[in-house]
Amino acid sequence: MTVRARAFTPLALASCALVNAQDVPGFTPVPVTPNVPSMTAPSRSWNGAGASPPALPRLPALPAPPMVDVARLLQEARDTPRESPPTYRPRGVFSLVDTRLGTLERGKWPMVEVIDAERLRERQRNPRACQDRRGEGANASCGPYEWTVPMSLLNESVDAATGLRRAWQRFEERTWWRAHTALNMETAVPLHCWAGLGAGNLLTTRSTVRTTIDPRDIAPQLVGRIRTSTPDNALHLDDYTVLPQVPPRDFCDDLPWQPRVMYVPGGCTYVLGTRVFCLQGRDAVTGPGAAPLSFDMNEARKRVTDALRHAGRVYYPWYQADALAELTPPRRKALFMLPWASHAPGAGALVTPVMNDDVSLTQYHDLARRAGEALGGVYRTLSAPYYFQVAGRSRALDALAQAGRADLARGAPGAWKFEEFKRELGPGHPASYDRFGYATWFQVWNQLDATVLPEPAGARALRTLTYWAGAIDTYVDLGGVRTVPVPTGVLVPPYHLPFVNYRVHFTWVSVPEGYGIPRVQGSPAFDYGPLVR
């Protein structure tokens, strides 16, 4: 069944999330993935302007396949130790369509077909149960197996990734300043909530595109040969300061001002410049002053706990709503996220193929070199002919078909070792995807994280839960007796903010055509087909 598009607003999404919010320490529910809004016409999306897609650059000519000694290749193939190919049974795969160079010039937006391979296999096992191509109106066990998704602009995905980081930064900043202001409400509420003391200009550096490869997503035989990596989303502030980087309304909401006497100051006595004795309590402190003789630690901890509960009940749902708003119109006009099946924890991811206008062949030459060096033997000779193959068969490709026959994947196209190395590629032009048989996907998902905020160790000195108190030192010298107030800070457990909940992560992954797309589960939630056909 095709899910029709409906428009939504971040405010409505956040309101729904607030209704279902739970107190800390229980998890706050992640907002349900919304239906896709109406898709913006491509003519209004490319770089945000223009009545029609731009003229496309000419693709560089492919290098001519080198002449190869077929007899020598066959002998090398026989001498190469055989490895049993992995069993490929991916659930989610894709097929490139409408990616030829002239597609945009004809006014068509590039797109791909995504396939639920499990449903397709079921259709092939029970052909009579499926009455048409998509299984509509047929046996429920068959169901639709193919969906259409337009390619998104790479720059739009980078903007979205930057927005996801900004959404987290806002949540972290709101949570910290809520806890700090509540803890020190006697002075902090008048300073920050009433006088508005703070910077209020949260700055987020632009995210960097880096394709990642999880070792679990490649054939075990190639672990150690293919360069694996993990997403580094930099989910922390770019700069930690002593003043708020969000406006007072972001952390002063419903914060009561209930001042009370929290401590009895301690102090030290100095005679002729020499410290003689100190009267102080046992609480851990920072700063030059002595610890208070008495400090209401129970009240301090209650203030922090109430602030964290408020952050979990109010700020966290807004964080998830902010994150979703970064992925959808009106903020994104050429980012077509496909819930597969959703971004909810353990339920898949939001994905979209991304494209740019780069037609350079440099990364493909580098790939052929790396794959040949890593695989060695006959693969070293055949890597360039394989990746740069053209429609006509050459002697080199004929040799590859014979030498690599034992390495052909069962259930996945091409020579599986060469195909798996395509995961190292970066984003490219749709025509390059079509030529080299892969696509780069932008992915967003929720992941359970247990951490301490702030995560950068160097920033924790500025973000330690501290009640700012004071001590009174007494100085006795020839001029008489005088008292001097000295600042001191009482450290309040848990000292730094704990976070155990779901965070929105993102990455870019390159996937060979016909091979499994990482992180997706089940079937896509809807089909862009009715909107783009």
Protein backbone atom coordinates (compact mmCIF):
# COMPACT_ATOMS: atom_id res chain seq x y z
CA MET A 1 0.00 0.00 0.00
CA THR A 2 1.33 3.42 -0.91
CA VAL A 3 1.25 5.99 1.87
CA ARG A 4 0.07 9.35 0.59
CA ALA A 5 2.01 12.43 1.55
CA ARG A 6 0.76 14.80 4.23
CA ALA A 7 2.36 18.03 5.34
CA PHE A 8 3.41 18.46 8.96
CA THR A 9 5.19 21.07 11.02
CA PRO A 10 7.95 20.68 13.61
CA LEU A 11 5.64 22.38 16.15
CA ALA A 12 2.95 19.77 15.69
CA LEU A 13 5.51 16.97 15.91
CA ALA A 14 7.02 18.40 19.07
CA SER A 15 3.58 18.85 20.65
CA CYS A 16 2.83 15.17 20.08
CA ALA A 17 6.19 14.24 21.55
CA LEU A 18 5.57 16.38 24.65
CA VAL A 19 2.29 14.63 25.36
CA ASN A 20 4.00 11.22 25.45
CA ALA A 21 7.15 12.33 27.27
CA GLN A 22 8.27 10.43 30.34
CA ASP A 23 10.33 11.49 33.31
CA VAL A 24 14.01 10.66 33.67
CA PRO A 25 15.42 8.04 34.11
CA GLY A 26 12.95 6.29 31.81
CA PHE A 27 13.41 6.69 28.10
CA THR A 28 11.43 9.40 26.41
CA PRO A 29 9.68 7.97 23.36
CA VAL A 30 11.23 8.86 20.03
CA PRO A 31 8.72 10.67 17.77
CA VAL A 32 7.21 8.49 15.06
CA THR A 33 8.55 9.06 11.58
CA PRO A 34 6.08 11.37 9.81
CA ASN A 35 4.56 10.85 6.42
CA VAL A 36 6.62 12.47 3.71
CA PRO A 37 5.51 16.00 2.79
CA SER A 38 4.72 16.90 -0.80
CA MET A 39 7.89 16.83 -2.84
CA THR A 40 9.26 20.09 -4.17
CA ALA A 41 9.50 20.26 -7.95
CA PRO A 42 13.10 19.59 -9.06
CA SER A 43 13.18 22.76 -11.12
CA ARG A 44 12.91 24.74 -7.89
CA SER A 45 15.33 22.58 -5.95
CA TRP A 46 18.64 22.44 -7.79
CA ASN A 47 20.89 24.86 -5.87
CA GLY A 48 17.73 26.62 -4.75
CA ALA A 49 17.12 28.49 -8.00
CA GLY A 50 16.69 28.20 -11.73
CA ALA A 51 13.74 27.39 -13.89
CA SER A 52 15.27 24.11 -15.09
CA PRO A 53 18.14 21.79 -14.17
CA PRO A 54 21.53 23.14 -15.22
CA ALA A 55 23.49 22.00 -18.23
CA LEU A 56 25.60 19.02 -17.24
CA PRO A 57 29.35 18.69 -17.74
CA ARG A 58 30.67 16.20 -20.24
CA LEU A 59 31.90 12.97 -18.79
CA PRO A 60 35.59 12.23 -19.25
CA ALA A 61 36.41 9.46 -21.68
CA LEU A 62 37.08 6.10 -20.11
CA PRO A 63 40.60 4.74 -20.42
CA ALA A 64 40.97 1.97 -22.97
CA PRO A 65 41.18 -1.45 -21.34
CA PRO A 66 44.78 -2.59 -21.42
CA MET A 67 45.82 -5.46 -23.62
CA VAL A 68 46.14 -8.56 -21.49
CA ASP A 69 47.80 -11.90 -22.09
CA VAL A 70 44.76 -14.16 -21.70
CA ALA A 71 46.79 -17.35 -21.36
CA ARG A 72 48.86 -15.82 -18.57
CA LEU A 73 45.73 -14.60 -16.78
CA LEU A 74 44.12 -18.00 -16.91
CA GLN A 75 47.27 -19.57 -15.49
CA GLU A 76 47.35 -16.97 -12.69
CA ALA A 77 43.70 -17.68 -11.96
CA ARG A 78 44.39 -21.40 -11.65
CA ASP A 79 47.31 -20.68 -9.34
CA THR A 80 45.34 -18.26 -7.14
CA PRO A 81 44.05 -19.91 -3.89
CA ARG A 82 40.26 -20.10 -3.96
CA GLU A 83 38.10 -18.57 -1.26
CA SER A 84 34.52 -19.67 -0.82
CA PRO A 85 32.31 -16.74 -1.76
CA PRO A 86 30.02 -15.43 1.00
CA THR A 87 26.32 -16.13 0.92
CA TYR A 88 24.52 -12.91 0.05
CA ARG A 89 20.90 -12.65 1.18
CA PRO A 90 20.41 -8.90 1.71
CA ARG A 91 16.99 -7.60 2.68
CA GLY A 92 17.29 -4.15 1.12
CA VAL A 93 18.98 -3.50 -2.24
CA PHE A 94 18.65 -0.89 -4.98
CA SER A 95 18.71 -0.64 -8.75
CA LEU A 96 19.84 2.42 -10.70
CA VAL A 97 17.36 3.88 -13.17
CA ASP A 98 17.21 7.12 -15.14
CA THR A 99 20.79 8.04 -14.30
CA ARG A 100 22.13 8.56 -17.80
CA LEU A 101 23.83 11.85 -18.56
CA GLY A 102 20.87 13.19 -20.52
CA THR A 103 18.32 12.56 -17.76
CA LEU A 104 18.43 16.03 -16.24
CA GLU A 105 18.67 17.64 -19.64
CA ARG A 106 15.33 16.02 -20.45
CA GLY A 107 13.87 17.56 -17.28
CA LYS A 108 13.76 14.29 -15.33
CA TRP A 109 15.06 14.05 -11.81
CA PRO A 110 17.43 11.08 -11.23
CA MET A 111 15.99 8.33 -9.08
CA VAL A 112 16.63 4.77 -7.98
CA GLU A 113 14.42 1.77 -7.36
CA VAL A 114 14.78 0.18 -3.93
CA ILE A 115 13.82 -3.43 -3.49
CA ASP A 116 12.78 -5.58 -0.54
CA ALA A 117 14.72 -8.64 -1.65
CA GLU A 118 12.97 -10.94 0.81
CA ARG A 119 9.59 -10.07 -0.66
CA LEU A 120 11.00 -10.46 -4.15
CA ARG A 121 12.26 -13.94 -3.29
CA GLU A 122 8.83 -14.79 -1.90
CA ARG A 123 7.28 -13.58 -5.15
CA GLN A 124 9.62 -15.80 -7.14
CA ARG A 125 8.78 -18.79 -4.96
CA ASN A 126 5.04 -18.17 -5.30
CA PRO A 127 4.50 -16.41 -8.66
CA ARG A 128 0.80 -17.18 -8.80
CA ALA A 129 0.23 -15.41 -5.49
CA CYS A 130 1.30 -12.08 -6.97
CA GLN A 131 -0.93 -10.74 -9.70
CA ASP A 132 1.15 -7.80 -10.86
CA ARG A 133 4.60 -6.26 -10.68
CA ARG A 134 4.17 -4.71 -7.26
CA GLY A 135 1.97 -7.35 -5.73
CA GLU A 136 -0.93 -4.97 -5.21
CA GLY A 137 -4.13 -6.78 -4.47
CA ALA A 138 -2.27 -10.08 -4.18
CA ASN A 139 -1.43 -12.40 -1.35
CA ALA A 140 -0.29 -10.42 1.68
CA SER A 141 2.82 -12.59 2.05
CA CYS A 142 3.98 -11.24 -1.29
CA GLY A 143 3.05 -7.57 -1.07
CA PRO A 144 4.86 -4.71 -2.82
CA TYR A 145 8.58 -5.25 -3.19
CA GLU A 146 9.75 -2.23 -5.20
CA TRP A 147 9.70 1.48 -4.37
CA THR A 148 10.99 4.64 -6.05
CA VAL A 149 13.11 7.28 -4.32
CA PRO A 150 14.60 10.38 -6.00
CA MET A 151 18.27 11.17 -5.58
CA SER A 152 18.99 14.03 -3.17
CA LEU A 153 21.55 16.77 -3.56
CA LEU A 154 24.73 16.07 -1.60
CA ASN A 155 24.85 19.67 -0.34
CA GLU A 156 21.37 19.26 1.09
CA SER A 157 22.48 16.17 3.01
CA VAL A 158 25.47 18.09 4.38
CA ASP A 159 23.16 20.90 5.49
CA ALA A 160 20.90 18.32 7.13
CA ALA A 161 23.83 16.68 8.92
CA THR A 162 24.93 20.10 10.17
CA GLY A 163 21.39 20.72 11.37
CA LEU A 164 21.35 17.39 13.22
CA ARG A 165 24.51 18.42 15.04
CA ARG A 166 22.98 21.82 15.80
CA ALA A 167 19.87 20.14 17.22
CA TRP A 168 22.01 18.08 19.59
CA GLN A 169 24.13 21.08 20.55
CA ARG A 170 21.02 23.03 21.43
CA PHE A 171 19.74 20.15 23.57
CA GLU A 172 23.06 19.78 25.38
CA GLU A 173 23.33 23.52 25.97
CA ARG A 174 19.75 23.79 27.21
CA THR A 175 20.23 20.85 29.58
CA TRP A 176 23.47 22.18 31.06
CA TRP A 177 22.25 25.71 31.62
CA ARG A 178 18.97 24.46 33.09
CA ALA A 179 20.90 22.39 35.62
CA HIS A 180 23.44 25.13 36.35
CA THR A 181 20.83 27.89 36.68
CA ALA A 182 18.53 25.78 38.86
CA LEU A 183 21.42 24.77 41.11
CA ASN A 184 22.60 28.36 41.55
CA MET A 185 19.14 29.94 41.36
CA GLU A 186 19.86 32.56 44.03
CA THR A 187 22.22 34.36 41.65
CA ALA A 188 21.86 32.66 38.25
CA VAL A 189 18.12 33.25 37.76
CA PRO A 190 18.46 37.05 38.09
CA LEU A 191 21.59 37.10 35.92
CA HIS A 192 20.54 34.80 33.09
CA CYS A 193 16.74 34.64 33.16
CA TRP A 194 15.98 38.24 34.13
CA ALA A 195 18.96 40.23 32.84
CA GLY A 196 19.58 37.90 29.89
CA LEU A 197 23.31 37.57 30.50
CA GLY A 198 24.71 35.28 27.80
CA ALA A 199 25.92 35.05 24.25
CA GLY A 200 22.88 33.37 22.70
CA ASN A 201 24.64 32.71 19.40
CA LEU A 202 25.13 28.97 19.00
CA LEU A 203 27.51 28.39 16.09
CA THR A 204 27.84 25.03 14.35
CA THR A 205 30.61 24.24 11.91
CA ARG A 206 29.55 22.60 8.66
CA SER A 207 29.65 18.81 8.64
CA THR A 208 32.21 17.02 6.49
CA VAL A 209 31.22 14.25 4.08
CA ARG A 210 33.01 11.01 4.89
CA THR A 211 31.77 7.62 3.75
CA THR A 212 32.05 4.96 6.43
CA ILE A 213 32.23 1.16 6.31
CA ASP A 214 31.14 -1.03 9.20
CA PRO A 215 33.08 -4.33 9.29
CA ARG A 216 29.74 -6.14 9.70
CA ASP A 217 28.60 -4.87 6.30
CA ILE A 218 31.35 -6.49 4.23
CA ALA A 219 32.28 -10.07 3.46
CA PRO A 220 34.33 -11.56 6.35
CA GLN A 221 37.04 -12.57 3.88
CA LEU A 222 37.72 -8.91 3.13
CA VAL A 223 37.93 -7.57 6.69
CA GLY A 224 41.39 -6.08 7.00
CA ARG A 225 41.67 -5.49 3.26
CA ILE A 226 38.85 -2.97 2.94
CA ARG A 227 39.34 0.12 5.06
CA THR A 228 36.60 0.18 7.69
CA SER A 229 35.52 3.15 9.76
CA THR A 230 32.79 4.30 12.11
CA PRO A 231 30.66 7.45 11.96
CA ASP A 232 32.08 10.38 13.90
CA ASN A 233 29.16 12.79 14.20
CA ALA A 234 30.92 15.15 16.63
CA LEU A 235 27.84 15.32 18.84
CA HIS A 236 29.17 18.03 21.11
CA LEU A 237 29.50 21.80 21.08
CA ASP A 238 32.09 23.32 18.80
CA ASP A 239 33.11 25.66 21.60
CA TYR A 240 32.35 25.51 25.33
CA THR A 241 32.06 28.91 26.98
CA VAL A 242 31.24 30.36 30.41
CA LEU A 243 28.11 32.06 29.05
CA PRO A 244 24.99 30.47 27.52
CA GLN A 245 24.99 30.05 23.74
CA VAL A 246 21.20 29.73 23.65
CA PRO A 247 18.68 32.42 24.59
CA PRO A 248 17.27 32.53 28.15
CA ARG A 249 13.88 31.22 26.98
CA ASP A 250 15.59 27.96 26.04
CA PHE A 251 16.44 27.05 29.65
CA CYS A 252 14.52 29.41 31.95
CA ASP A 253 11.05 28.11 31.04
CA ASP A 254 8.93 27.40 34.13
CA LEU A 255 11.98 27.77 36.37
CA PRO A 256 10.80 29.07 39.75
CA TRP A 257 12.91 31.46 41.80
CA GLN A 258 12.90 30.09 45.33
CA PRO A 259 16.00 31.46 47.09
CA ARG A 260 17.05 29.98 50.38
CA VAL A 261 20.10 29.87 52.64
CA MET A 262 22.15 27.02 51.21
CA TYR A 263 25.31 27.20 53.31
CA VAL A 264 27.15 28.59 56.32
CA PRO A 265 30.48 29.98 55.10
CA GLY A 266 33.74 28.64 56.40
CA GLY A 267 37.03 30.45 56.41
CA CYS A 268 40.67 30.56 57.42
CA THR A 269 42.54 32.82 59.89
CA TYR A 270 45.89 34.33 58.93
CA VAL A 271 48.26 35.94 61.45
CA LEU A 272 50.96 38.14 59.96
CA GLY A 273 50.39 36.43 56.61
CA THR A 274 50.65 32.88 57.96
CA ARG A 275 47.61 30.65 57.94
CA VAL A 276 46.97 29.50 61.48
CA PHE A 277 43.77 27.47 61.19
CA CYS A 278 40.64 26.96 59.06
CA LEU A 279 37.05 26.31 59.96
CA GLN A 280 35.49 24.34 57.09
CA GLY A 281 33.24 21.44 56.21
CA ARG A 282 34.00 18.23 54.35
CA ASP A 283 32.38 18.91 51.00
CA ALA A 284 34.61 18.82 47.95
CA VAL A 285 35.26 22.32 46.68
CA THR A 286 37.03 24.15 43.91
CA GLY A 287 38.51 27.61 44.08
CA PRO A 288 40.63 29.43 46.66
CA GLY A 289 38.12 29.51 49.53
CA ALA A 290 37.51 27.02 52.31
CA ALA A 291 34.58 24.61 52.17
CA PRO A 292 31.38 25.83 53.88
CA LEU A 293 30.88 24.78 57.48
CA SER A 294 27.45 23.53 56.46
CA PHE A 295 25.99 22.99 53.01
CA ASP A 296 22.50 21.78 52.05
CA MET A 297 23.64 19.05 49.68
CA ASN A 298 20.20 17.41 49.60
CA GLU A 299 18.62 20.58 48.23
CA ALA A 300 21.43 20.99 45.71
CA ARG A 301 21.00 17.46 44.40
CA LYS A 302 17.22 17.90 44.24
CA ARG A 303 17.65 20.99 42.09
CA VAL A 304 19.91 19.13 39.68
CA THR A 305 17.58 16.13 39.54
CA ASP A 306 14.55 18.34 38.87
CA ALA A 307 16.45 20.12 36.09
CA LEU A 308 17.42 16.82 34.42
CA ARG A 309 13.84 15.60 34.64
CA HIS A 310 12.65 18.79 33.03
CA ALA A 311 15.23 18.38 30.26
CA GLY A 312 14.10 14.81 29.62
CA ARG A 313 10.43 15.72 29.69
CA VAL A 314 10.58 18.94 27.62
CA TYR A 315 13.92 19.47 25.91
CA TYR A 316 14.50 15.91 24.68
CA PRO A 317 11.27 15.66 22.64
CA TRP A 318 12.10 19.05 21.15
CA TYR A 319 15.54 17.70 20.24
CA GLN A 320 13.99 14.81 18.32
CA ALA A 321 11.53 17.21 16.68
CA ASP A 322 14.34 19.58 15.72
CA ALA A 323 16.24 16.67 14.20
CA LEU A 324 13.28 15.57 12.07
CA ALA A 325 12.67 19.13 10.95
CA GLU A 326 16.21 19.22 9.56
CA LEU A 327 15.35 16.35 7.21
CA THR A 328 12.08 17.53 5.73
CA PRO A 329 10.47 20.49 3.95
CA PRO A 330 10.23 23.40 4.28
CA ARG A 331 13.80 23.38 5.58
CA ARG A 332 14.99 20.87 2.98
CA LYS A 333 13.81 21.27 -0.60
CA ALA A 334 15.97 18.66 -2.36
CA LEU A 335 16.45 16.02 0.34
CA PHE A 336 14.13 13.06 -0.15
CA MET A 337 14.48 10.87 2.92
CA LEU A 338 12.94 7.38 2.72
CA PRO A 339 11.98 5.72 6.05
CA TRP A 340 13.17 2.12 5.78
CA ALA A 341 11.27 1.24 7.86
CA SER A 342 11.80 4.22 10.22
CA HIS A 343 14.47 6.01 12.24
CA ALA A 344 13.06 4.62 15.50
CA PRO A 345 15.61 2.67 17.59
CA GLY A 346 16.24 -0.78 16.12
CA ALA A 347 13.68 -0.24 13.34
CA GLY A 348 15.95 0.78 10.47
CA ALA A 349 16.99 4.19 9.20
CA LEU A 350 15.98 7.15 7.08
CA VAL A 351 17.96 6.87 3.85
CA THR A 352 18.37 8.67 0.55
CA PRO A 353 20.83 8.35 -2.37
CA VAL A 354 22.83 11.56 -2.82
CA MET A 355 24.47 13.04 -5.89
CA ASN A 356 26.76 15.90 -6.87
CA ASP A 357 28.09 17.31 -10.15
CA ASP A 358 31.60 15.85 -9.86
CA VAL A 359 32.48 13.76 -12.93
CA SER A 360 36.17 13.37 -12.15
CA LEU A 361 37.55 9.84 -12.49
CA THR A 362 40.25 10.28 -9.84
CA GLN A 363 38.57 8.31 -7.06
CA TYR A 364 37.82 5.45 -9.47
CA HIS A 365 41.45 5.23 -10.57
CA ASP A 366 42.43 5.20 -6.89
CA LEU A 367 39.89 2.46 -6.19
CA ALA A 368 41.27 0.24 -8.96
CA ARG A 369 44.77 0.67 -7.59
CA ARG A 370 43.80 -0.01 -3.95
CA ALA A 371 41.66 -3.03 -4.77
CA GLY A 372 44.38 -4.54 -6.97
CA GLU A 373 47.05 -4.03 -4.32
CA ALA A 374 44.87 -5.40 -1.51
CA LEU A 375 43.68 -8.49 -3.41
CA GLY A 376 46.91 -9.22 -5.27
CA GLY A 377 47.48 -11.98 -7.81
CA VAL A 378 45.21 -12.00 -10.83
CA TYR A 379 43.06 -9.27 -9.28
CA ARG A 380 45.92 -6.79 -9.52
CA THR A 381 45.93 -7.14 -13.30
CA LEU A 382 42.16 -7.18 -13.69
CA SER A 383 41.09 -4.39 -11.31
CA ALA A 384 41.34 -1.52 -13.80
CA PRO A 385 39.64 -3.42 -16.68
CA TYR A 386 36.86 -4.50 -14.31
CA TYR A 387 36.04 -1.08 -12.90
CA PHE A 388 36.40 0.77 -16.20
CA GLN A 389 34.59 -1.77 -18.36
CA VAL A 390 32.48 -0.47 -21.23
CA ALA A 391 29.54 -1.90 -23.13
CA GLY A 392 31.73 -3.80 -25.61
CA ARG A 393 33.56 -6.85 -24.34
CA SER A 394 37.34 -6.74 -24.36
CA ARG A 395 39.85 -9.58 -24.11
CA ALA A 396 40.59 -8.47 -20.53
CA LEU A 397 36.94 -8.69 -19.50
CA ASP A 398 36.54 -12.05 -21.20
CA ALA A 399 39.49 -13.28 -19.19
CA LEU A 400 37.94 -11.88 -16.03
CA ALA A 401 34.71 -13.78 -16.65
CA GLN A 402 36.71 -17.02 -16.81
CA ALA A 403 39.25 -16.32 -14.10
CA GLY A 404 36.74 -14.89 -11.68
CA ARG A 405 33.95 -17.38 -12.24
CA ALA A 406 34.55 -19.15 -8.93
CA ASP A 407 34.40 -15.80 -7.14
CA LEU A 408 31.04 -14.69 -8.50
CA ALA A 409 28.66 -14.04 -5.62
CA ARG A 410 25.60 -16.20 -5.20
CA GLY A 411 22.72 -13.74 -5.05
CA ALA A 412 24.74 -10.59 -5.82
CA PRO A 413 25.97 -9.34 -9.20
CA GLY A 414 29.54 -8.97 -10.40
CA ALA A 415 32.81 -10.24 -9.00
CA TRP A 416 32.10 -9.94 -5.29
CA LYS A 417 35.60 -8.95 -4.19
CA PHE A 418 35.78 -6.05 -6.63
CA GLU A 419 32.19 -5.05 -5.87
CA GLU A 420 32.75 -4.92 -2.11
CA PHE A 421 35.63 -2.48 -2.61
CA LYS A 422 33.17 0.01 -4.12
CA ARG A 423 32.07 0.74 -0.54
CA GLU A 424 35.24 2.85 -0.26
CA LEU A 425 34.03 5.26 -2.94
CA GLY A 426 32.63 8.69 -2.20
CA PRO A 427 29.61 10.53 -3.64
CA GLY A 428 29.51 11.16 -7.36
CA HIS A 429 27.46 12.22 -10.36
CA PRO A 430 24.42 10.09 -11.30
CA ALA A 431 26.09 9.17 -14.58
CA SER A 432 29.15 7.99 -12.63
CA TYR A 433 26.90 5.86 -10.44
CA ASP A 434 25.42 4.31 -13.55
CA ARG A 435 28.82 3.75 -15.12
CA PHE A 436 30.48 2.21 -12.06
CA GLY A 437 27.46 0.48 -10.52
CA TYR A 438 27.14 1.98 -7.05
CA ALA A 439 25.51 4.87 -5.18
CA THR A 440 26.28 6.82 -2.02
CA TRP A 441 23.50 6.98 0.58
CA PHE A 442 22.90 9.46 3.38
CA GLN A 443 21.55 7.66 6.44
CA VAL A 444 19.98 8.86 9.69
CA TRP A 445 19.01 6.67 12.64
CA ASN A 446 18.51 6.70 16.41
CA GLN A 447 21.07 4.94 18.56
CA LEU A 448 21.09 4.25 22.28
CA ASP A 449 24.01 6.12 23.85
CA ALA A 450 25.25 6.11 27.42
CA THR A 451 27.72 8.90 28.02
CA VAL A 452 28.72 11.79 30.24
CA LEU A 453 28.28 15.36 29.06
CA PRO A 454 30.26 17.07 27.83
CA GLU A 455 31.99 14.27 25.95
CA PRO A 456 35.25 16.12 25.16
CA ALA A 457 37.42 15.64 28.26
CA GLY A 458 38.99 19.06 27.80
CA ALA A 459 35.62 20.77 28.25
CA ARG A 460 34.61 19.12 31.51
CA ALA A 461 36.36 21.64 33.72
CA LEU A 462 33.92 24.27 32.40
CA ARG A 463 30.93 21.98 32.80
CA THR A 464 31.25 20.61 36.35
CA LEU A 465 28.13 20.92 38.50
CA THR A 466 29.19 23.51 41.06
CA TYR A 467 27.30 25.61 43.59
CA TRP A 468 29.08 28.94 43.76
CA ALA A 469 29.38 29.85 47.43
CA GLY A 470 31.86 31.94 49.41
CA ALA A 471 34.21 31.78 52.37
CA ILE A 472 35.27 34.51 54.82
CA ASP A 473 38.96 34.69 55.64
CA THR A 474 40.26 36.66 58.62
CA TYR A 475 43.60 38.49 58.53
CA VAL A 476 45.34 39.65 61.74
CA ASP A 477 48.34 41.94 61.36
CA LEU A 478 49.83 45.11 62.82
CA GLY A 479 47.08 47.14 61.21
CA GLY A 480 44.33 45.29 63.02
CA VAL A 481 41.79 42.63 62.06
CA ARG A 482 40.02 42.52 58.70
CA THR A 483 37.80 40.02 56.90
CA VAL A 484 37.96 39.21 53.20
CA PRO A 485 35.28 37.32 51.22
CA VAL A 486 36.77 34.55 49.07
CA PRO A 487 34.90 32.67 46.32
CA THR A 488 34.58 28.93 46.54
CA GLY A 489 32.57 26.33 44.66
CA VAL A 490 30.97 23.24 46.14
CA LEU A 491 31.05 20.25 43.75
CA VAL A 492 27.65 18.60 43.49
CA PRO A 493 27.18 14.94 42.45
CA PRO A 494 26.96 13.56 39.81
CA TYR A 495 29.48 16.34 38.95
CA HIS A 496 28.83 15.99 35.19
CA LEU A 497 25.58 15.42 33.35
CA PRO A 498 24.73 11.77 32.62
CA PHE A 499 22.96 10.93 29.37
CA VAL A 500 21.39 7.54 28.69
CA ASN A 501 18.94 7.82 25.82
CA TYR A 502 18.65 7.77 22.03
CA ARG A 503 20.61 10.19 19.90
CA VAL A 504 20.20 10.88 16.20
CA HIS A 505 23.27 9.73 14.27
CA PHE A 506 24.08 10.08 10.58
CA THR A 507 26.61 8.95 8.03
CA TRP A 508 27.23 8.45 4.32
CA VAL A 509 27.73 4.92 2.95
CA SER A 510 28.51 3.75 -0.57
CA VAL A 511 26.76 0.58 -1.70
CA PRO A 512 27.40 -1.54 -4.84
CA GLU A 513 24.30 -2.02 -6.94
CA GLY A 514 22.58 -5.26 -5.94
CA TYR A 515 24.32 -5.47 -2.56
CA GLY A 516 22.79 -4.90 0.85
CA ILE A 517 22.12 -1.35 2.08
CA PRO A 518 23.33 -1.09 5.71
CA ARG A 519 20.95 -0.42 8.61
CA VAL A 520 17.66 -0.73 6.71
CA GLN A 521 15.07 -3.13 8.07
CA GLY A 522 11.78 -4.45 6.78
CA SER A 523 10.25 -2.47 3.94
CA PRO A 524 10.16 1.25 3.12
CA ALA A 525 7.31 3.16 4.72
CA PHE A 526 6.08 4.76 1.51
CA ASP A 527 6.75 5.16 -2.20
CA TYR A 528 7.81 8.39 -3.91
CA GLY A 529 6.65 6.88 -7.21
CA PRO A 530 3.23 8.57 -7.38
CA LEU A 531 4.90 11.94 -6.80
CA VAL A 532 7.63 11.64 -9.41
CA ARG A 533 6.13 9.62 -12.23
